[in-house]
C-alpha cells in the first residue's frame, strides 16, 4: 500500500496536464531551445493510470538539449521519453533538431 501511495503521488490528476506541459515548455525555453511544435496524441486509458503522449519538436544547441533532458528527469512526475530523433543542423555547428514523444502519466479516477 505504501508503494502504491508513493507512485500515485507522482501521478497528477488529468486536470493538471496543462501545468505539466507548461513546465516542459519552460524548461526547454530556459535552456535556450525553441519549441517548434507540440501536439497531443491519442490518450491511452489503462487500469489505474492514463498515459497522454505528446510529440515535440525542439531546435537548438545540442548541449542545451542535453541539459533539457537532465532537467526533465528532475521533474516530480512519472514521464517517458521515446522515439527520439536528433538531426544535425547543416547550417551551424552544434545545432540540432530534436523530435520525440514524451508520455505524461496521470491518475485514472474512473477506477
Protein backbone atom coordinates (compact mmCIF):
# COMPACT_ATOMS: atom_id res chain seq x y z
CA UNK A 1 0.00 0.00 0.00
CA UNK A 2 2.84 2.38 0.82
CA UNK A 3 4.45 1.79 -2.59
CA UNK A 4 1.12 2.38 -4.33
CA UNK A 5 0.63 5.66 -2.46
CA UNK A 6 4.16 6.72 -3.42
CA UNK A 7 3.57 6.15 -7.14
CA UNK A 8 0.12 7.72 -7.02
CA UNK A 9 1.71 10.85 -5.53
CA UNK A 10 3.84 11.03 -8.69
CA UNK A 11 0.71 10.86 -10.88
CA UNK A 12 -1.15 14.18 -11.07
CA UNK A 13 -4.83 14.30 -11.90
CA UNK A 14 -5.67 14.69 -15.59
CA UNK A 15 -6.82 18.24 -14.94
CA UNK A 16 -3.15 19.19 -14.37
CA UNK A 17 -1.94 18.31 -17.88
CA UNK A 18 -1.61 21.99 -18.80
CA UNK A 19 0.67 22.57 -15.77
CA UNK A 20 2.98 19.70 -16.75
CA UNK A 21 3.05 20.87 -20.36
CA UNK A 22 3.88 24.38 -19.18
CA UNK A 23 6.75 23.04 -17.03
CA UNK A 24 8.21 21.16 -20.01
CA UNK A 25 7.94 24.23 -22.25
CA UNK A 26 9.54 26.50 -19.63
CA UNK A 27 12.45 24.05 -19.20
CA UNK A 28 13.01 23.99 -22.98
CA UNK A 29 12.97 27.79 -23.23
CA UNK A 30 15.18 28.18 -20.15
CA UNK A 31 17.78 26.00 -21.86
CA UNK A 32 17.63 28.19 -24.98
CA UNK A 33 15.69 25.71 -27.10
CA UNK A 34 12.97 26.82 -29.49
CA UNK A 35 9.81 24.70 -29.34
CA UNK A 36 8.66 24.24 -32.94
CA UNK A 37 5.61 22.02 -32.39
CA UNK A 38 3.82 20.32 -29.54
CA UNK A 39 0.90 18.03 -30.41
CA UNK A 40 -1.16 15.68 -28.31
CA UNK A 41 -1.59 12.11 -29.49
CA UNK A 42 -4.37 9.69 -28.60
CA UNK A 43 -4.74 9.24 -24.85
CA UNK A 44 -4.32 5.70 -23.52
CA UNK A 45 -6.59 4.74 -20.62
CA UNK A 46 -5.21 1.91 -18.51
CA UNK A 47 -6.45 0.45 -15.26
CA UNK A 48 -5.08 2.75 -12.59
CA UNK A 49 -3.43 5.35 -14.82
CA UNK A 50 -3.78 7.36 -18.03
CA UNK A 51 -0.95 7.94 -20.50
CA UNK A 52 -1.03 11.17 -22.51
CA UNK A 53 1.65 11.10 -25.24
CA UNK A 54 2.79 14.36 -26.84
CA UNK A 55 5.01 14.81 -29.87
CA UNK A 56 7.51 17.62 -29.54
CA UNK A 57 9.95 19.24 -31.91
CA UNK A 58 12.70 21.41 -30.44
CA UNK A 59 15.54 23.23 -32.16
CA UNK A 60 18.74 24.47 -30.56
CA UNK A 61 22.21 23.68 -29.32
CA UNK A 62 22.96 20.01 -28.56
CA UNK A 63 24.34 20.85 -25.10
CA UNK A 64 21.15 22.80 -24.34
CA UNK A 65 19.09 19.79 -25.41
CA UNK A 66 21.14 17.54 -23.14
CA UNK A 67 20.55 19.98 -20.26
CA UNK A 68 16.84 19.94 -21.12
CA UNK A 69 16.79 16.14 -20.73
CA UNK A 70 18.56 16.37 -17.37
CA UNK A 71 16.02 18.93 -16.13
CA UNK A 72 13.11 16.79 -17.36
CA UNK A 73 14.49 13.91 -15.36
CA UNK A 74 14.31 16.03 -12.18
CA UNK A 75 10.58 16.76 -12.52
CA UNK A 76 8.48 15.15 -9.76
CA UNK A 77 6.32 13.35 -12.34
CA UNK A 78 6.41 9.99 -14.00
CA UNK A 79 7.24 10.57 -17.68
CA UNK A 80 8.67 8.54 -20.50
CA UNK A 81 10.62 9.87 -23.48
CA UNK A 82 10.67 7.68 -26.57
CA UNK A 83 11.26 7.72 -30.31
CA UNK A 84 13.96 10.37 -30.02
CA UNK A 85 15.30 11.54 -33.37
CA UNK A 86 18.16 14.03 -33.49
CA UNK A 87 19.14 15.73 -36.71
CA UNK A 88 22.20 17.89 -37.11
CA UNK A 89 21.58 21.36 -38.48
CA UNK A 90 23.64 21.70 -41.65
CA UNK A 91 23.95 25.44 -41.13
CA UNK A 92 25.54 25.80 -37.69
CA UNK A 93 27.97 23.68 -35.73
CA UNK A 94 26.43 22.10 -32.63
CA UNK A 95 22.83 22.92 -33.60
CA UNK A 96 20.27 20.10 -33.71
CA UNK A 97 16.63 19.48 -34.29
CA UNK A 98 15.05 17.02 -31.86
CA UNK A 99 11.77 15.23 -32.42
CA UNK A 100 10.42 12.90 -29.76
CA UNK A 101 7.37 11.61 -27.93
CA UNK A 102 7.05 12.37 -24.24
CA UNK A 103 4.38 10.46 -22.34
CA UNK A 104 2.92 12.03 -19.22
CA UNK A 105 1.14 9.72 -16.81
CA UNK A 106 -1.92 10.70 -14.75
CA UNK A 107 -4.24 9.13 -12.23
CA UNK A 108 -7.20 7.31 -13.71
CA UNK A 109 -10.08 8.42 -11.49
CA UNK A 110 -12.58 6.14 -13.24
CA UNK A 111 -11.21 3.05 -11.48
